[in-house]
Amino acid sequence: MKVARKCSGDLLTSPPPAEKATARQDQVQHRRLGRERQDIGRKLLQSVGLANPSDADIALAIEANDQFIAELERIHATAQGTIIDQ
């Protein structure tokens, strides 16, 4: 389907329906993952006694959790490199 607007002399085309559906699914997935990360941050803080964390507190908890996971992955990678087959 052609769009009536012109851009640099070329007609713009709309993405096919399948691409639109995929883009919508990606947006939904992105929002869902964002909410899940917010929930994780909130629950981490609540687990240490902060009953009503602010958005800033949650953002810091998410960052701390990301660093923690990265360190665990580093430990795992190091351990994998030191395993000797017997």
Protein backbone atom coordinates (compact mmCIF):
# COMPACT_ATOMS: atom_id res chain seq x y z
CA MET A 1 0.00 0.00 0.00
CA LYS A 2 1.40 3.39 -0.96
CA VAL A 3 1.28 6.34 1.40
CA ALA A 4 0.29 9.70 -0.03
CA ARG A 5 3.26 11.52 1.54
CA LYS A 6 6.45 11.98 -0.36
CA CYS A 7 9.90 11.82 1.13
CA SER A 8 12.86 12.85 -1.04
CA GLY A 9 10.77 12.26 -4.14
CA ASP A 10 9.91 8.64 -3.25
CA LEU A 11 6.57 7.37 -2.05
CA LEU A 12 6.75 5.80 1.39
CA THR A 13 5.31 2.34 1.79
CA SER A 14 3.59 0.99 4.86
CA PRO A 15 5.10 -2.10 6.40
CA PRO A 16 3.29 -5.33 5.58
CA PRO A 17 0.71 -6.52 8.14
CA ALA A 18 3.05 -9.26 9.39
CA GLU A 19 5.74 -6.67 10.17
CA LYS A 20 3.20 -4.47 11.94
CA ALA A 21 2.07 -7.43 14.04
CA THR A 22 5.65 -8.30 14.90
CA ALA A 23 6.40 -4.70 15.85
CA ARG A 24 3.32 -4.65 18.10
CA GLN A 25 4.34 -7.93 19.71
CA ASP A 26 7.84 -6.53 20.29
CA GLN A 27 6.37 -3.44 21.97
CA VAL A 28 4.12 -5.56 24.18
CA GLN A 29 7.05 -7.82 25.10
CA HIS A 30 9.24 -4.79 25.87
CA ARG A 31 6.58 -3.26 28.15
CA ARG A 32 6.00 -6.60 29.89
CA LEU A 33 9.72 -7.09 30.53
CA GLY A 34 9.94 -3.56 31.89
CA ARG A 35 7.09 -4.24 34.29
CA GLU A 36 8.70 -7.53 35.34
CA ARG A 37 12.00 -5.77 36.05
CA GLN A 38 10.12 -3.15 38.08
CA ASP A 39 8.39 -5.92 40.02
CA ILE A 40 11.71 -7.67 40.69
CA GLY A 41 13.28 -4.43 41.92
CA ARG A 42 10.30 -3.70 44.14
CA LYS A 43 10.27 -7.22 45.61
CA LEU A 44 14.01 -7.17 46.25
CA LEU A 45 13.66 -3.97 48.25
CA GLN A 46 10.59 -5.25 50.08
CA SER A 47 12.51 -8.40 51.01
CA VAL A 48 14.96 -6.25 52.97
CA GLY A 49 12.24 -4.22 54.67
CA LEU A 50 11.58 -1.26 52.37
CA ALA A 51 7.79 -1.53 52.22
CA ASN A 52 7.07 1.25 49.71
CA PRO A 53 10.13 1.87 47.53
CA SER A 54 10.19 4.90 45.26
CA ASP A 55 10.75 4.64 41.51
CA ALA A 56 14.33 5.85 42.07
CA ASP A 57 14.87 3.13 44.70
CA ILE A 58 13.50 0.51 42.32
CA ALA A 59 15.78 1.72 39.51
CA LEU A 60 18.79 1.40 41.84
CA ALA A 61 17.68 -2.09 42.89
CA ILE A 62 17.35 -3.13 39.24
CA GLU A 63 20.87 -1.83 38.55
CA ALA A 64 22.26 -3.64 41.60
CA ASN A 65 20.52 -6.86 40.53
CA ASP A 66 21.93 -6.53 37.00
CA GLN A 67 25.43 -6.16 38.46
CA PHE A 68 24.86 -9.15 40.73
CA ILE A 69 23.72 -11.30 37.79
CA ALA A 70 26.70 -10.15 35.70
CA GLU A 71 29.06 -11.18 38.51
CA LEU A 72 27.37 -14.58 38.81
CA GLU A 73 27.75 -15.05 35.05
CA ARG A 74 31.45 -14.11 35.33
CA ILE A 75 31.92 -16.67 38.10
CA HIS A 76 30.16 -19.27 35.97
CA ALA A 77 32.33 -18.51 32.95
CA THR A 78 35.47 -18.71 35.05
CA ALA A 79 34.38 -22.01 36.57
CA GLN A 80 33.63 -23.42 33.13
CA GLY A 81 37.15 -22.55 32.04
CA THR A 82 38.67 -24.30 35.03
CA ILE A 83 36.72 -27.54 34.85
CA ILE A 84 39.00 -30.44 33.96
CA ASP A 85 37.48 -33.51 32.36
CA GLN A 86 38.41 -36.63 34.30
